[in-house]
Amino acid sequence: MNKLMPWVKSNLVIVIAIVLAIIVIPVLIYFGASWESSLRDQIRQDVSRSMSQLQGVNVTYEIPALLPGQQAWSQSSVPSMARTNRVAEALDELREASERGRRDILDRNRGTKAPLIDGATPEQRLFPQPSNPQTAVRLPTEFVRQWPRSLRSLLEAAQAGDAPSPEDVQARLEARFERLRNQRLSGRVTQELTDEERAEIRAQLGIERRELYQQHASRLLFYTDPQAFGSYSEVRAAAAATTPATVEQCWEWQWRLWIYEDIVDAIAYANRDEHQMRPFIPLYEAPIKRLMSVRVDPHSESTPGGQRGGGSRDPYAGLGDDMGGGGGASGFSVAHTGRAAWPNNPSNQLYDIRYVTLQMVADANRLPTIIDAISSTNFMTVIGADVVPFNPEADLANGYVYTTGDGAIAVMTLRIETIWLREWMKPYMPPSVRTKLGIPEDAPEGVADDGQDDGF
């Protein structure tokens, strides 16, 4: 003990630390266990309370319908990471399908259509507007020269043409008459035909005339002539004029040429060989025999039932620059298709509607086939039809062979609604036309357009 006390005195700090450790550690262990138990209880209560609150919170998951008539899907439930991920994947798939559909619709409406006058540089492009005063004269002049050739090429490619020339038929029959006459008179002293012989030759020539007409018809998909297309004479007159056409006039003629392309495609589709045994069927077996006229309403005067006024060289004449805004009639108050566009519904910024009137000679019993073919081409809908019986013998004398049997022939007048999406046409539209149609200016690149979606 005597030795311990001096050591304690010399190591007092260590001794005090040891004593405190011996006292404090058990105390801490005791109170720590108590605090841990209390903390666990507190945490358990907080988690239990949070879970109770979470059980009472529902989230509504929604997936919109992609197509008309489909039901949208929605479900209200407690949030779940697995369910959230599945809904997000479904929405992504829906957006992708919608975008594919949008591209397909644009591709169908546009097809292979391109302006007649186009090029890689602004100086080579007529639309939306010439780049300088020189091209403002040169390009419209070139346009009206090319336009008639383009229409004739369109008809030739479709194997469409008019009846044989009366002069050609007459020349061939006169040559045939001389051959038949010489055959009858060969070796005879009297070089005059008898009345009976003349009657026989006339009957033979009558048969051969019809055979000539039928042979010509067998090489055609349908009868028509460039004059049947309303703008043909108008553009040819512009080509002969001393004053160049305006870019607005050229734009209207370009648009009508695209409409003519769709009409010709629809007729070719109607007259196709459904069994695919032949490239096409001769017109005397086809539903559509002859396209007599195609009339496109001026854009500003176009209504489902017909023009609201007389024609005008400027399809937008008489309309001020403020015609693009506001509301207007829409839906079934304008047409039974439920579609309405400018000028009947200026607020429709998605598409334009052009109305067309066709007059044709056709098989009276195959109107449904004709309507189906038109509806299958681009976005065209037959909204009216008038069918009048027709005697084909009346046109046979002029070289038109509509049937080789006793088929019922009629003159059909069809009213057609055609849809034109602005998304692909807008870049070609002249600025003045865009203003009159109320088409807003394109937003600069990188600038949002108030969150509006120009898609479908």
Protein backbone atom coordinates (compact mmCIF):
# COMPACT_ATOMS: atom_id res chain seq x y z
CA MET A 1 0.00 0.00 0.00
CA ASN A 2 2.91 2.27 0.83
CA LYS A 3 4.23 1.74 -2.65
CA LEU A 4 0.77 2.20 -4.31
CA MET A 5 -0.03 5.61 -2.92
CA PRO A 6 3.06 7.32 -4.32
CA TRP A 7 2.30 5.80 -7.76
CA VAL A 8 -1.34 7.00 -7.57
CA LYS A 9 -0.23 10.47 -6.66
CA SER A 10 2.23 10.56 -9.54
CA ASN A 11 -0.34 9.17 -12.02
CA LEU A 12 -3.43 10.90 -10.73
CA VAL A 13 -4.87 11.73 -14.20
CA ILE A 14 -4.67 8.14 -15.34
CA VAL A 15 -6.24 6.93 -12.13
CA ILE A 16 -9.13 9.41 -12.46
CA ALA A 17 -9.70 8.36 -16.14
CA ILE A 18 -9.79 4.70 -15.16
CA VAL A 19 -12.26 5.38 -12.35
CA LEU A 20 -14.51 7.42 -14.65
CA ALA A 21 -14.41 4.72 -17.32
CA ILE A 22 -15.36 2.11 -14.80
CA ILE A 23 -18.32 4.25 -13.67
CA VAL A 24 -19.46 5.85 -16.99
CA ILE A 25 -19.35 2.87 -19.34
CA PRO A 26 -21.94 0.83 -17.47
CA VAL A 27 -24.06 3.91 -17.10
CA LEU A 28 -23.86 4.60 -20.84
CA ILE A 29 -24.65 1.01 -21.65
CA TYR A 30 -27.68 1.14 -19.45
CA PHE A 31 -29.02 4.43 -20.75
CA GLY A 32 -27.99 3.61 -24.37
CA ALA A 33 -30.11 0.50 -24.32
CA SER A 34 -33.00 2.55 -23.03
CA TRP A 35 -32.53 5.24 -25.68
CA GLU A 36 -32.24 2.64 -28.49
CA SER A 37 -35.50 1.09 -27.46
CA SER A 38 -37.19 4.48 -27.35
CA LEU A 39 -35.72 5.44 -30.76
CA ARG A 40 -36.88 2.20 -32.32
CA ASP A 41 -40.38 2.79 -31.02
CA GLN A 42 -40.35 6.34 -32.39
CA ILE A 43 -39.12 5.24 -35.82
CA ARG A 44 -41.67 2.43 -35.89
CA GLN A 45 -44.44 4.89 -35.13
CA ASP A 46 -43.23 7.34 -37.82
CA VAL A 47 -43.05 4.59 -40.48
CA SER A 48 -46.45 3.26 -39.47
CA ARG A 49 -47.95 6.75 -39.68
CA SER A 50 -46.32 7.38 -43.10
CA MET A 51 -47.55 4.06 -44.46
CA SER A 52 -51.05 4.86 -43.27
CA GLN A 53 -50.92 8.20 -45.03
CA LEU A 54 -49.52 6.60 -48.22
CA GLN A 55 -52.28 4.02 -48.24
CA GLY A 56 -54.74 6.85 -48.52
CA VAL A 57 -53.03 8.50 -51.58
CA ASN A 58 -54.15 7.31 -55.06
CA VAL A 59 -52.63 8.18 -58.44
CA THR A 60 -54.65 8.02 -61.67
CA TYR A 61 -52.75 6.34 -64.49
CA GLU A 62 -54.08 7.19 -67.97
CA ILE A 63 -53.33 5.98 -71.52
CA PRO A 64 -55.29 7.87 -74.24
CA ALA A 65 -56.94 6.13 -77.18
CA LEU A 66 -54.90 6.07 -80.39
CA LEU A 67 -57.76 5.68 -82.86
CA PRO A 68 -61.34 6.99 -82.98
CA GLY A 69 -63.71 4.54 -81.37
CA GLN A 70 -61.08 3.09 -79.06
CA GLN A 71 -61.53 3.36 -75.32
CA ALA A 72 -58.95 5.26 -73.30
CA TRP A 73 -57.49 3.34 -70.33
CA SER A 74 -57.29 4.72 -66.83
CA GLN A 75 -56.76 3.28 -63.35
CA SER A 76 -56.67 4.90 -59.93
CA SER A 77 -54.42 3.08 -57.47
CA VAL A 78 -51.62 3.43 -54.96
CA PRO A 79 -48.38 4.50 -56.67
CA SER A 80 -46.26 1.58 -57.76
CA MET A 81 -42.87 1.75 -59.43
CA ALA A 82 -43.63 -1.35 -61.50
CA ARG A 83 -47.01 0.05 -62.65
CA THR A 84 -45.48 3.48 -63.36
CA ASN A 85 -42.81 1.88 -65.54
CA ARG A 86 -45.37 -0.17 -67.46
CA VAL A 87 -47.56 2.88 -68.13
CA ALA A 88 -44.51 4.89 -69.24
CA GLU A 89 -43.55 2.13 -71.68
CA ALA A 90 -47.10 2.02 -73.04
CA LEU A 91 -47.12 5.81 -73.53
CA ASP A 92 -43.78 5.63 -75.37
CA GLU A 93 -45.15 2.93 -77.67
CA LEU A 94 -48.26 5.02 -78.25
CA ARG A 95 -46.19 8.08 -79.17
CA GLU A 96 -44.10 6.02 -81.59
CA ALA A 97 -47.19 4.54 -83.21
CA SER A 98 -48.74 8.00 -83.49
CA GLU A 99 -45.59 9.37 -85.14
CA ARG A 100 -45.48 6.45 -87.58
CA GLY A 101 -49.11 7.06 -88.42
CA ARG A 102 -48.42 10.75 -88.93
CA ARG A 103 -45.56 10.01 -91.31
CA ASP A 104 -47.66 7.46 -93.21
CA ILE A 105 -50.50 9.95 -93.60
CA LEU A 106 -48.15 12.64 -94.88
CA ASP A 107 -46.49 10.21 -97.28
CA ARG A 108 -49.84 9.10 -98.64
CA ASN A 109 -51.08 12.64 -99.16
CA ARG A 110 -47.85 13.89 -100.69
CA GLY A 111 -46.90 10.77 -102.65
CA THR A 112 -44.38 11.72 -105.33
CA LYS A 113 -45.80 15.19 -105.85
CA ALA A 114 -43.27 17.94 -106.47
CA PRO A 115 -43.45 21.39 -108.05
CA LEU A 116 -42.98 21.58 -111.80
CA ILE A 117 -40.35 24.27 -111.42
CA ASP A 118 -37.93 23.34 -108.67
CA GLY A 119 -34.21 23.19 -108.07
CA ALA A 120 -31.38 23.20 -105.61
CA THR A 121 -30.99 26.98 -105.44
CA PRO A 122 -33.51 29.78 -104.81
CA GLU A 123 -32.95 31.06 -108.35
CA GLN A 124 -34.31 27.74 -109.69
CA ARG A 125 -37.43 27.60 -107.51
CA LEU A 126 -40.73 29.24 -108.37
CA PHE A 127 -42.39 28.43 -105.03
CA PRO A 128 -42.94 29.88 -102.55
CA GLN A 129 -41.84 32.93 -104.50
CA PRO A 130 -39.20 33.89 -107.08
CA SER A 131 -35.96 35.10 -105.57
CA ASN A 132 -35.56 38.25 -107.72
CA PRO A 133 -37.35 40.30 -110.42
CA GLN A 134 -35.68 38.36 -113.23
CA THR A 135 -36.84 34.96 -112.00
CA ALA A 136 -40.30 36.46 -111.32
CA VAL A 137 -40.63 36.70 -115.11
CA ARG A 138 -38.60 33.73 -116.28
CA LEU A 139 -39.91 31.03 -113.95
CA PRO A 140 -43.68 31.66 -114.42
CA THR A 141 -43.08 31.74 -118.18
CA GLU A 142 -41.31 28.40 -118.02
CA PHE A 143 -44.04 27.03 -115.74
CA VAL A 144 -46.92 27.74 -118.14
CA ARG A 145 -44.91 26.19 -120.96
CA GLN A 146 -44.24 23.00 -119.05
CA TRP A 147 -47.68 22.61 -117.50
CA PRO A 148 -49.56 21.42 -120.64
CA ARG A 149 -46.74 19.02 -121.50
CA SER A 150 -46.86 17.63 -117.98
CA LEU A 151 -50.59 16.97 -118.23
CA ARG A 152 -50.21 15.27 -121.61
CA SER A 153 -47.37 13.13 -120.21
CA LEU A 154 -49.58 12.19 -117.26
CA LEU A 155 -52.30 10.94 -119.61
CA GLU A 156 -49.85 9.10 -121.84
CA ALA A 157 -48.32 7.34 -118.84
CA ALA A 158 -51.83 6.26 -117.78
CA GLN A 159 -52.52 4.95 -121.31
CA ALA A 160 -55.38 7.38 -121.69
CA GLY A 161 -56.26 8.99 -125.00
CA ASP A 162 -59.00 10.21 -127.24
CA ALA A 163 -60.89 8.35 -129.94
CA PRO A 164 -58.99 7.82 -133.21
CA SER A 165 -58.73 10.85 -135.45
CA PRO A 166 -61.63 11.00 -137.94
CA GLU A 167 -59.16 12.00 -140.64
CA ASP A 168 -56.98 8.93 -139.99
CA VAL A 169 -59.96 6.62 -139.98
CA GLN A 170 -61.33 8.15 -143.17
CA ALA A 171 -57.97 7.78 -144.93
CA ARG A 172 -57.65 4.14 -143.92
CA LEU A 173 -61.19 3.31 -145.00
CA GLU A 174 -60.76 5.07 -148.35
CA ALA A 175 -57.60 3.04 -148.98
CA ARG A 176 -59.46 -0.11 -147.99
CA PHE A 177 -62.33 0.82 -150.29
CA GLU A 178 -59.93 1.13 -153.22
CA ARG A 179 -58.47 -2.29 -152.50
CA LEU A 180 -61.89 -3.93 -152.29
CA ARG A 181 -63.03 -2.11 -155.43
CA ASN A 182 -59.98 -3.21 -157.37
CA GLN A 183 -60.50 -6.80 -156.24
CA ARG A 184 -64.07 -6.72 -157.56
CA LEU A 185 -63.16 -5.04 -160.85
CA SER A 186 -60.02 -7.05 -161.60
CA GLY A 187 -60.29 -8.69 -165.03
CA ARG A 188 -63.64 -7.11 -165.81
CA VAL A 189 -64.36 -5.04 -168.84
CA THR A 190 -66.83 -2.86 -166.99
CA GLN A 191 -64.96 -0.84 -164.42
CA GLU A 192 -68.04 0.18 -162.53
CA LEU A 193 -69.39 -1.43 -159.37
CA THR A 194 -72.97 -2.48 -159.24
CA ASP A 195 -75.28 -1.12 -156.57
CA GLU A 196 -75.24 -4.50 -154.90
CA GLU A 197 -71.43 -4.54 -154.86
CA ARG A 198 -71.30 -1.05 -153.44
CA ALA A 199 -73.72 -2.05 -150.68
CA GLU A 200 -71.57 -5.09 -149.86
CA ILE A 201 -68.40 -2.98 -149.71
CA ARG A 202 -70.13 -0.38 -147.52
CA ALA A 203 -71.25 -3.11 -145.14
CA GLN A 204 -67.73 -4.52 -145.05
CA LEU A 205 -66.23 -1.10 -144.39
CA GLY A 206 -68.76 -0.55 -141.62
CA ILE A 207 -67.55 -3.70 -139.91
CA GLU A 208 -63.92 -2.74 -140.41
CA ARG A 209 -64.57 0.77 -139.08
CA ARG A 210 -65.89 -0.67 -135.85
CA GLU A 211 -62.92 -3.05 -135.68
CA LEU A 212 -60.58 -0.08 -136.05
CA TYR A 213 -62.36 1.67 -133.21
CA GLN A 214 -62.21 -1.46 -131.06
CA GLN A 215 -58.51 -2.04 -131.77
CA HIS A 216 -57.80 1.53 -130.76
CA ALA A 217 -59.87 1.13 -127.59
CA SER A 218 -58.01 -2.07 -126.66
CA ARG A 219 -54.82 -0.01 -126.27
CA LEU A 220 -56.39 2.55 -123.95
CA LEU A 221 -57.18 2.52 -120.25
CA PHE A 222 -59.87 5.14 -120.76
CA TYR A 223 -60.84 7.86 -123.21
CA THR A 224 -60.04 11.45 -122.43
CA ASP A 225 -58.43 14.54 -123.85
CA PRO A 226 -56.37 17.33 -122.22
CA GLN A 227 -59.24 19.69 -123.03
CA ALA A 228 -61.36 17.76 -120.52
CA PHE A 229 -59.24 19.22 -117.71
CA GLY A 230 -60.52 22.65 -116.86
CA SER A 231 -57.19 24.44 -116.48
CA TYR A 232 -55.61 23.16 -119.70
CA SER A 233 -56.99 25.88 -121.97
CA GLU A 234 -56.45 28.49 -119.27
CA VAL A 235 -52.76 27.66 -118.89
CA ARG A 236 -52.22 27.51 -122.65
CA ALA A 237 -53.77 30.96 -122.94
CA ALA A 238 -51.41 32.21 -120.24
CA ALA A 239 -48.47 30.74 -122.15
CA ALA A 240 -49.47 32.77 -125.20
CA ALA A 241 -49.99 35.99 -123.25
CA THR A 242 -47.43 38.76 -123.20
CA THR A 243 -47.77 39.35 -119.45
CA PRO A 244 -46.30 36.63 -117.20
CA ALA A 245 -48.61 34.85 -114.81
CA THR A 246 -48.39 35.72 -111.13
CA VAL A 247 -46.92 33.30 -108.63
CA GLU A 248 -50.40 32.98 -107.06
CA GLN A 249 -51.88 31.88 -110.39
CA CYS A 250 -49.05 29.43 -110.92
CA TRP A 251 -49.58 28.02 -107.45
CA GLU A 252 -53.26 27.38 -108.17
CA TRP A 253 -52.41 25.64 -111.45
CA GLN A 254 -49.77 23.56 -109.69
CA TRP A 255 -52.30 22.52 -107.07
CA ARG A 256 -54.82 21.60 -109.74
CA LEU A 257 -52.24 19.52 -111.58
CA TRP A 258 -51.70 17.52 -108.38
CA ILE A 259 -55.46 17.05 -108.13
CA TYR A 260 -55.55 15.84 -111.75
CA GLU A 261 -52.82 13.32 -110.92
CA ASP A 262 -54.96 11.85 -108.14
CA ILE A 263 -58.03 11.71 -110.39
CA VAL A 264 -56.12 9.87 -113.11
CA ASP A 265 -54.66 7.49 -110.50
CA ALA A 266 -58.16 6.76 -109.18
CA ILE A 267 -59.47 5.94 -112.66
CA ALA A 268 -56.46 3.70 -113.32
CA TYR A 269 -57.18 1.92 -110.04
CA ALA A 270 -60.86 1.48 -110.93
CA ASN A 271 -59.93 0.05 -114.34
CA ARG A 272 -57.26 -2.32 -113.05
CA ASP A 273 -57.44 -6.06 -113.58
CA GLU A 274 -58.60 -7.28 -110.19
CA HIS A 275 -57.24 -10.76 -110.94
CA GLN A 276 -53.85 -9.30 -111.95
CA MET A 277 -53.73 -11.36 -115.11
CA ARG A 278 -53.17 -8.31 -117.31
CA PRO A 279 -51.49 -4.91 -116.78
CA PHE A 280 -54.88 -3.33 -117.40
CA ILE A 281 -58.19 -4.22 -118.96
CA PRO A 282 -59.37 -2.57 -122.21
CA LEU A 283 -61.77 0.26 -121.58
CA TYR A 284 -64.73 -1.51 -123.19
CA GLU A 285 -64.48 -4.00 -120.30
CA ALA A 286 -63.61 -1.42 -117.65
CA PRO A 287 -65.93 0.45 -115.24
CA ILE A 288 -64.89 3.91 -116.48
CA LYS A 289 -65.01 4.38 -120.24
CA ARG A 290 -64.44 8.06 -120.81
CA LEU A 291 -63.48 11.03 -118.64
CA MET A 292 -65.43 13.89 -120.16
CA SER A 293 -64.56 16.74 -117.81
CA VAL A 294 -62.72 17.57 -114.58
CA ARG A 295 -63.59 20.83 -112.87
CA VAL A 296 -61.85 22.01 -109.69
CA ASP A 297 -63.67 24.71 -107.76
CA PRO A 298 -61.72 27.90 -107.06
CA HIS A 299 -60.46 27.67 -103.51
CA SER A 300 -62.35 30.72 -102.28
CA GLU A 301 -65.64 29.67 -103.92
CA SER A 302 -65.60 26.03 -102.95
CA THR A 303 -68.48 24.41 -101.10
CA PRO A 304 -69.54 20.75 -100.95
CA GLY A 305 -72.57 21.43 -103.13
CA GLY A 306 -70.81 23.51 -105.75
CA GLN A 307 -69.36 26.90 -106.45
CA ARG A 308 -70.79 29.87 -104.62
CA GLY A 309 -70.09 32.19 -107.49
CA GLY A 310 -68.51 32.58 -110.87
CA GLY A 311 -65.00 31.56 -111.77
CA SER A 312 -62.01 33.81 -111.40
CA ARG A 313 -58.50 33.69 -112.67
CA ASP A 314 -57.40 34.45 -109.11
CA PRO A 315 -58.79 31.68 -106.86
CA TYR A 316 -58.42 33.97 -103.84
CA ALA A 317 -59.93 37.07 -105.45
CA GLY A 318 -62.17 39.29 -103.33
CA LEU A 319 -60.83 38.06 -100.02
CA GLY A 320 -59.00 40.41 -97.70
CA ASP A 321 -55.90 39.61 -95.73
CA ASP A 322 -57.98 39.19 -92.57
CA MET A 323 -59.74 36.05 -93.76
CA GLY A 324 -57.43 33.72 -91.90
CA GLY A 325 -58.64 34.17 -88.34
CA GLY A 326 -61.77 33.66 -86.39
CA GLY A 327 -64.14 30.78 -86.31
CA GLY A 328 -66.64 29.71 -88.91
CA ALA A 329 -68.86 26.83 -89.80
CA SER A 330 -67.48 23.40 -89.10
CA GLY A 331 -68.29 19.74 -89.15
CA PHE A 332 -71.61 18.48 -90.40
CA SER A 333 -73.06 21.96 -90.84
CA VAL A 334 -70.84 22.25 -93.94
CA ALA A 335 -70.63 18.71 -95.34
CA HIS A 336 -72.00 15.32 -94.44
CA THR A 337 -68.41 14.05 -94.16
CA GLY A 338 -68.02 16.22 -91.06
CA ARG A 339 -64.98 17.98 -92.54
CA ALA A 340 -64.70 21.72 -93.09
CA ALA A 341 -61.75 23.94 -93.92
CA TRP A 342 -61.03 27.42 -95.23
CA PRO A 343 -63.06 29.46 -96.14
CA ASN A 344 -65.91 27.64 -94.36
CA ASN A 345 -63.80 26.97 -91.26
CA PRO A 346 -60.72 29.26 -91.21
CA SER A 347 -59.67 27.97 -87.79
CA ASN A 348 -58.76 24.59 -89.32
CA GLN A 349 -54.98 24.84 -89.69
CA LEU A 350 -54.44 21.14 -90.39
CA TYR A 351 -55.64 20.76 -93.98
CA ASP A 352 -57.39 22.36 -96.93
CA ILE A 353 -60.30 20.95 -98.91
CA ARG A 354 -60.70 21.22 -102.67
CA TYR A 355 -63.93 20.12 -104.33
CA VAL A 356 -63.90 18.51 -107.76
CA THR A 357 -66.68 17.67 -110.22
CA LEU A 358 -66.11 14.75 -112.59
CA GLN A 359 -68.27 13.85 -115.56
CA MET A 360 -67.65 10.48 -117.15
CA VAL A 361 -69.15 7.76 -119.28
CA ALA A 362 -69.14 4.56 -117.25
CA ASP A 363 -70.70 1.16 -116.70
CA ALA A 364 -73.99 1.95 -114.98
CA ASN A 365 -73.79 -1.21 -112.86
CA ARG A 366 -70.33 -0.56 -111.42
CA LEU A 367 -70.76 2.71 -109.56
CA PRO A 368 -69.74 1.06 -106.23
CA THR A 369 -66.45 -0.06 -107.81
CA ILE A 370 -65.80 3.47 -109.02
CA ILE A 371 -66.58 5.02 -105.63
CA ASP A 372 -64.32 2.51 -103.87
CA ALA A 373 -61.46 3.28 -106.26
CA ILE A 374 -61.77 7.02 -105.67
CA SER A 375 -61.94 6.54 -101.91
CA SER A 376 -58.82 4.34 -102.05
CA THR A 377 -56.77 7.06 -103.75
CA ASN A 378 -55.13 9.62 -101.49
CA PHE A 379 -57.78 11.30 -99.30
CA MET A 380 -60.72 11.62 -101.69
CA THR A 381 -64.38 11.04 -100.89
CA VAL A 382 -67.35 10.94 -103.25
CA ILE A 383 -69.93 13.23 -101.68
CA GLY A 384 -72.47 13.28 -104.51
CA ALA A 385 -73.39 11.27 -107.60
CA ASP A 386 -75.80 11.72 -110.46
CA VAL A 387 -76.32 8.85 -112.94
CA VAL A 388 -78.16 9.32 -116.26
CA PRO A 389 -78.68 6.48 -118.79
CA PHE A 390 -76.81 6.97 -122.04
CA ASN A 391 -77.05 5.38 -125.48
CA PRO A 392 -73.48 4.44 -126.52
CA GLU A 393 -74.45 4.33 -130.18
CA ALA A 394 -74.57 8.11 -130.08
CA ASP A 395 -70.79 8.25 -129.63
CA LEU A 396 -69.87 5.22 -131.72
CA ALA A 397 -69.98 7.27 -134.91
CA ASN A 398 -67.23 9.46 -133.39
CA GLY A 399 -65.01 6.48 -132.61
CA TYR A 400 -65.90 5.82 -128.96
CA VAL A 401 -66.42 2.12 -128.22
CA TYR A 402 -67.81 1.80 -124.71
CA THR A 403 -68.90 -1.81 -124.81
CA THR A 404 -68.77 -4.83 -127.12
CA GLY A 405 -71.99 -6.24 -125.74
CA ASP A 406 -75.24 -4.99 -124.30
CA GLY A 407 -73.83 -3.44 -121.10
CA ALA A 408 -75.73 -0.57 -119.50
CA ILE A 409 -73.88 2.69 -120.08
CA ALA A 410 -74.50 5.91 -118.16
CA VAL A 411 -73.15 9.42 -117.83
CA MET A 412 -72.06 9.88 -114.22
CA THR A 413 -71.43 13.21 -112.53
CA LEU A 414 -69.51 12.81 -109.29
CA ARG A 415 -68.79 15.41 -106.66
CA ILE A 416 -65.52 14.71 -104.84
CA GLU A 417 -63.97 16.10 -101.67
CA THR A 418 -60.16 16.10 -101.64
CA ILE A 419 -57.97 16.70 -98.57
CA TRP A 420 -54.58 18.45 -98.68
CA LEU A 421 -52.40 18.53 -95.57
CA ARG A 422 -50.75 21.86 -94.96
CA GLU A 423 -47.69 20.40 -93.26
CA TRP A 424 -46.12 19.39 -96.59
CA MET A 425 -47.81 22.02 -98.80
CA LYS A 426 -47.12 25.05 -96.61
CA PRO A 427 -43.43 25.41 -97.61
CA TYR A 428 -44.49 25.79 -101.25
CA MET A 429 -47.32 28.28 -100.69
CA PRO A 430 -46.66 31.87 -101.79
CA PRO A 431 -46.63 34.27 -98.82
CA SER A 432 -49.73 36.11 -100.07
CA VAL A 433 -51.66 32.84 -100.21
CA ARG A 434 -50.54 31.88 -96.73
CA THR A 435 -51.70 35.26 -95.45
CA LYS A 436 -55.13 34.93 -97.02
CA LEU A 437 -55.50 31.41 -95.66
CA GLY A 438 -54.53 32.62 -92.19
CA ILE A 439 -51.47 30.38 -91.98
CA PRO A 440 -49.14 31.72 -89.27
CA GLU A 441 -45.50 32.36 -89.93
CA ASP A 442 -43.12 29.56 -89.03
CA ALA A 443 -41.47 29.98 -85.65
CA PRO A 444 -37.68 30.49 -85.80
CA GLU A 445 -35.62 27.38 -85.21
CA GLY A 446 -35.23 26.62 -81.53
CA VAL A 447 -38.25 28.74 -80.54
CA ALA A 448 -41.27 26.92 -79.19
CA ASP A 449 -44.66 27.58 -80.74
CA ASP A 450 -46.63 28.06 -77.48
CA GLY A 451 -46.70 24.33 -76.97
CA GLN A 452 -49.05 23.70 -79.85
CA ASP A 453 -48.60 20.51 -81.80
CA ASP A 454 -48.95 20.82 -85.56
CA GLY A 455 -49.16 17.06 -85.92
CA PHE A 456 -52.12 14.78 -86.01
